[in-house]
Amino acid sequence: MNAYLVRVGIDITPESGGWVAPVDPETHSFAYVPIVEKEAKGKKPIRTKYGTTYDEFKQVCDSLGVELPQKLVGQKSHLDPDFKYLTYGDEDFRGRPLQGLVSGDVLAFYAALRPVKPCIVKLIYALIGLYVVDRVMSAKAVPEKDWHKNAHTRRKPDDTDIVVFGKEGLSGRLERCIPIGGWRYGAYRVTEELLHDWGGLKVSDGWIQRSAVLPWFCDPQKFYDWFKKKKIALVSKNN
């Protein structure tokens, strides 16, 4: 088994959307809000009829007492992972390791979230979803009937785009998130306790801020056993 820790979701950087999605620090209810879809010169064109927008994320933000920023209303979203269809796409250097995934491997998705109630931390880094891999395909090989299922086939892919499909019943968005890290030694990192419980990560002292290289678990089975003990339901929907 192989397993990777994959950062997803909107964050404060302009290229990712310039905002942070909300979380209730007491109940761990959260809003999954994806990054923006880039349509700048040189980017892959969107297949218009398959595009997604931020409007579908307004209701879940409202339920947590937070208003979706006006700058995002009506804007195109890069909905990836798409928990409704249990897909995740990637490309170029970051996505290269995922080309070797096989059935039974694991992707654990995490995001930075902003508490909606008084909290001792400014951001909560938390697991928000998990896939047990069913198969991996070149995005170019995905049939037209499935183009609507992932952000990397909603636009015209190139040779570096891949799409991972999760196994039904074993994959999805978490009903409530699992906090995994905080600020220590000048960066956001996985807690030392969890690094021990997981069997370690191939990344400098649990670093979980954005990077071009996906962290992978030193002991994937130990991580997956830890996750299953949490007994948190996985759902096939984005919010």
Protein backbone atom coordinates (compact mmCIF):
# COMPACT_ATOMS: atom_id res chain seq x y z
CA MET A 1 0.00 0.00 0.00
CA ASN A 2 1.01 3.60 -0.71
CA ALA A 3 -0.64 6.64 0.82
CA TYR A 4 -0.28 10.38 0.22
CA LEU A 5 -1.39 13.45 2.15
CA VAL A 6 -2.89 15.95 -0.30
CA ARG A 7 -3.65 19.58 0.49
CA VAL A 8 -6.80 20.87 -1.21
CA GLY A 9 -9.29 23.71 -0.90
CA ILE A 10 -9.30 27.46 -1.11
CA ASP A 11 -6.82 29.46 0.94
CA ILE A 12 -5.65 33.01 1.51
CA THR A 13 -3.18 33.07 -1.40
CA PRO A 14 -4.54 34.97 -4.44
CA GLU A 15 -3.87 32.08 -6.83
CA SER A 16 -6.00 29.77 -4.68
CA GLY A 17 -8.90 32.17 -4.12
CA GLY A 18 -7.82 34.63 -1.43
CA TRP A 19 -10.15 33.32 1.29
CA VAL A 20 -10.36 30.54 3.91
CA ALA A 21 -13.38 28.26 4.30
CA PRO A 22 -15.12 28.05 7.71
CA VAL A 23 -15.11 25.35 10.39
CA ASP A 24 -16.89 25.04 13.73
CA PRO A 25 -14.04 24.28 16.17
CA GLU A 26 -16.42 22.56 18.60
CA THR A 27 -18.42 20.25 16.32
CA HIS A 28 -15.82 20.06 13.49
CA SER A 29 -18.55 20.76 10.93
CA PHE A 30 -16.89 22.47 7.98
CA ALA A 31 -17.39 23.83 4.50
CA TYR A 32 -15.41 22.32 1.66
CA VAL A 33 -14.70 25.16 -0.79
CA PRO A 34 -12.34 24.51 -3.74
CA ILE A 35 -9.68 26.72 -5.31
CA VAL A 36 -10.40 29.03 -8.22
CA GLU A 37 -10.35 27.84 -11.81
CA LYS A 38 -7.60 29.69 -13.66
CA GLU A 39 -8.49 30.91 -17.12
CA ALA A 40 -5.45 33.08 -17.74
CA LYS A 41 -3.50 33.09 -20.97
CA GLY A 42 -1.71 29.80 -21.46
CA LYS A 43 -4.08 27.82 -19.22
CA LYS A 44 -6.16 24.93 -20.49
CA PRO A 45 -9.55 26.10 -21.84
CA ILE A 46 -12.72 25.14 -19.97
CA ARG A 47 -15.27 22.91 -21.66
CA THR A 48 -17.99 25.45 -20.95
CA LYS A 49 -20.99 23.15 -20.35
CA TYR A 50 -19.09 21.23 -17.66
CA GLY A 51 -17.87 24.21 -15.65
CA THR A 52 -18.66 24.65 -11.94
CA THR A 53 -19.07 27.86 -9.92
CA TYR A 54 -18.83 28.92 -6.29
CA ASP A 55 -22.58 29.42 -6.04
CA GLU A 56 -23.07 25.81 -4.90
CA PHE A 57 -20.93 26.50 -1.80
CA LYS A 58 -22.94 29.48 -0.56
CA GLN A 59 -25.48 27.44 1.42
CA VAL A 60 -22.94 25.46 3.47
CA CYS A 61 -21.05 28.66 4.33
CA ASP A 62 -24.33 30.27 5.41
CA SER A 63 -25.05 27.29 7.65
CA LEU A 64 -21.82 28.05 9.52
CA GLY A 65 -22.69 31.73 9.83
CA VAL A 66 -20.21 32.91 7.21
CA GLU A 67 -21.04 34.69 3.97
CA LEU A 68 -19.29 33.60 0.80
CA PRO A 69 -17.25 36.61 -0.41
CA GLN A 70 -18.90 38.60 -3.16
CA LYS A 71 -15.75 38.28 -5.28
CA LEU A 72 -16.39 34.51 -5.52
CA VAL A 73 -20.12 34.61 -6.27
CA GLY A 74 -20.64 33.43 -9.84
CA GLN A 75 -16.93 32.76 -10.34
CA LYS A 76 -15.68 29.47 -11.80
CA SER A 77 -14.36 26.96 -9.27
CA HIS A 78 -11.76 24.24 -9.73
CA LEU A 79 -13.86 21.59 -7.98
CA ASP A 80 -11.14 19.06 -7.19
CA PRO A 81 -11.44 16.69 -5.45
CA ASP A 82 -15.04 16.22 -6.47
CA PHE A 83 -16.46 14.15 -3.64
CA LYS A 84 -19.77 13.71 -5.43
CA TYR A 85 -18.07 11.58 -8.08
CA LEU A 86 -15.15 10.39 -5.92
CA THR A 87 -12.53 11.82 -8.27
CA TYR A 88 -9.30 13.74 -7.81
CA GLY A 89 -7.15 15.18 -10.57
CA ASP A 90 -3.61 16.48 -10.66
CA GLU A 91 -0.95 17.42 -13.17
CA ASP A 92 2.69 18.19 -13.91
CA PHE A 93 5.34 17.61 -11.23
CA ARG A 94 2.98 17.38 -8.24
CA GLY A 95 0.77 14.78 -9.87
CA ARG A 96 3.59 12.57 -11.15
CA PRO A 97 3.77 10.25 -8.09
CA LEU A 98 0.03 9.60 -8.32
CA GLN A 99 0.42 8.00 -11.75
CA GLY A 100 1.79 4.95 -9.97
CA LEU A 101 -1.14 4.51 -7.60
CA VAL A 102 -2.93 1.16 -7.75
CA SER A 103 -6.18 -0.21 -6.39
CA GLY A 104 -6.14 -0.13 -2.58
CA ASP A 105 -3.74 2.80 -2.21
CA VAL A 106 -4.92 5.81 -0.19
CA LEU A 107 -5.23 9.58 -0.68
CA ALA A 108 -5.94 11.60 2.47
CA PHE A 109 -7.16 15.14 1.76
CA TYR A 110 -6.65 18.03 4.16
CA ALA A 111 -7.36 21.77 4.16
CA ALA A 112 -6.73 24.91 6.14
CA LEU A 113 -9.97 26.15 7.73
CA ARG A 114 -10.87 29.27 9.70
CA PRO A 115 -12.75 28.84 13.02
CA VAL A 116 -16.16 30.54 13.22
CA LYS A 117 -16.05 30.69 17.03
CA PRO A 118 -13.42 31.95 19.50
CA CYS A 119 -10.47 29.58 19.30
CA ILE A 120 -6.85 29.51 20.44
CA VAL A 121 -5.65 29.11 16.84
CA LYS A 122 -6.20 31.27 13.74
CA LEU A 123 -6.39 28.30 11.39
CA ILE A 124 -7.31 24.66 11.84
CA TYR A 125 -5.52 22.24 9.54
CA ALA A 126 -7.71 19.18 9.23
CA LEU A 127 -8.42 16.03 7.23
CA ILE A 128 -11.58 16.57 5.19
CA GLY A 129 -11.73 13.49 2.96
CA LEU A 130 -10.18 10.17 2.06
CA TYR A 131 -10.10 7.92 -1.00
CA VAL A 132 -9.19 4.29 -1.24
CA VAL A 133 -8.04 4.18 -4.85
CA ASP A 134 -10.04 2.25 -7.40
CA ARG A 135 -8.06 3.25 -10.51
CA VAL A 136 -5.96 6.01 -12.04
CA MET A 137 -6.34 7.22 -15.63
CA SER A 138 -4.79 9.73 -17.93
CA ALA A 139 -7.33 12.55 -18.12
CA LYS A 140 -7.16 12.29 -21.90
CA ALA A 141 -8.36 8.68 -21.67
CA VAL A 142 -11.46 9.51 -19.61
CA PRO A 143 -14.51 8.94 -21.88
CA GLU A 144 -16.68 11.93 -22.77
CA LYS A 145 -19.58 10.58 -20.72
CA ASP A 146 -17.42 11.12 -17.60
CA TRP A 147 -15.91 14.53 -18.43
CA HIS A 148 -18.26 16.20 -15.94
CA LYS A 149 -16.83 14.21 -13.03
CA ASN A 150 -13.54 16.06 -12.48
CA ALA A 151 -12.00 19.50 -12.90
CA HIS A 152 -9.21 18.08 -15.08
CA THR A 153 -11.70 16.74 -17.63
CA ARG A 154 -14.05 19.74 -17.39
CA ARG A 155 -11.25 21.51 -19.22
CA LYS A 156 -9.13 20.19 -22.09
CA PRO A 157 -6.37 18.09 -20.49
CA ASP A 158 -2.84 17.57 -21.69
CA ASP A 159 -0.50 14.60 -21.32
CA THR A 160 0.35 15.41 -17.67
CA ASP A 161 -3.24 15.43 -16.35
CA ILE A 162 -4.36 12.37 -14.42
CA VAL A 163 -7.62 11.48 -12.67
CA VAL A 164 -7.87 9.23 -9.60
CA PHE A 165 -11.16 7.43 -8.95
CA GLY A 166 -12.00 6.36 -5.38
CA LYS A 167 -13.72 3.13 -4.41
CA GLU A 168 -17.40 3.57 -3.58
CA GLY A 169 -18.21 2.86 0.06
CA LEU A 170 -14.59 3.41 1.13
CA SER A 171 -14.10 6.95 -0.16
CA GLY A 172 -15.63 10.38 0.24
CA ARG A 173 -15.78 13.62 2.18
CA LEU A 174 -15.67 13.33 5.95
CA GLU A 175 -18.93 14.21 7.70
CA ARG A 176 -16.79 16.13 10.19
CA CYS A 177 -13.16 17.08 9.83
CA ILE A 178 -10.27 15.73 11.90
CA PRO A 179 -7.80 18.41 13.09
CA ILE A 180 -4.25 17.23 12.44
CA GLY A 181 -1.91 20.14 12.95
CA GLY A 182 -1.02 23.54 14.25
CA TRP A 183 1.67 26.17 14.39
CA ARG A 184 5.04 25.02 15.71
CA TYR A 185 8.63 25.85 14.86
CA GLY A 186 7.61 28.65 12.53
CA ALA A 187 5.16 26.75 10.31
CA TYR A 188 1.97 24.71 10.30
CA ARG A 189 2.86 21.08 10.95
CA VAL A 190 1.19 17.80 11.84
CA THR A 191 1.24 17.35 15.60
CA GLU A 192 4.06 15.27 17.03
CA GLU A 193 1.52 12.91 18.58
CA LEU A 194 -0.10 12.19 15.23
CA LEU A 195 3.24 11.76 13.48
CA HIS A 196 3.89 9.00 16.00
CA ASP A 197 0.41 7.48 15.62
CA TRP A 198 0.71 7.49 11.82
CA GLY A 199 4.20 6.02 11.71
CA GLY A 200 5.70 9.19 10.28
CA LEU A 201 5.53 11.31 7.12
CA LYS A 202 8.18 11.73 4.42
CA VAL A 203 8.30 15.49 4.94
CA SER A 204 10.32 17.77 7.18
CA ASP A 205 8.88 17.46 10.72
CA GLY A 206 5.26 17.20 9.58
CA TRP A 207 5.27 20.30 7.34
CA ILE A 208 1.76 20.81 5.89
CA GLN A 209 1.88 24.25 4.30
CA ARG A 210 1.53 24.25 0.54
CA SER A 211 4.38 22.66 -1.39
CA ALA A 212 5.08 21.21 -4.82
CA VAL A 213 5.80 17.75 -3.40
CA LEU A 214 3.07 15.57 -1.88
CA PRO A 215 3.97 14.15 1.55
CA TRP A 216 3.65 10.39 1.75
CA PHE A 217 3.10 8.16 4.73
CA CYS A 218 6.04 6.08 5.95
CA ASP A 219 3.63 3.40 7.21
CA PRO A 220 0.44 3.64 5.11
CA GLN A 221 -1.29 0.73 6.80
CA LYS A 222 -0.69 2.22 10.24
CA PHE A 223 -2.22 5.52 9.09
CA TYR A 224 -5.23 3.80 7.53
CA ASP A 225 -5.81 1.70 10.65
CA TRP A 226 -5.70 4.93 12.71
CA PHE A 227 -8.22 6.54 10.37
CA LYS A 228 -10.67 3.63 10.50
CA LYS A 229 -10.65 3.74 14.30
CA LYS A 230 -12.03 7.30 14.10
CA LYS A 231 -15.28 5.85 12.69
CA ILE A 232 -16.19 9.05 10.85
CA ALA A 233 -18.62 8.56 7.99
CA LEU A 234 -17.49 9.20 4.42
CA VAL A 235 -20.11 10.75 2.13
CA SER A 236 -20.28 11.06 -1.65
CA LYS A 237 -21.16 14.73 -1.78
CA ASN A 238 -19.22 17.96 -1.69
CA ASN A 239 -21.17 19.57 1.18
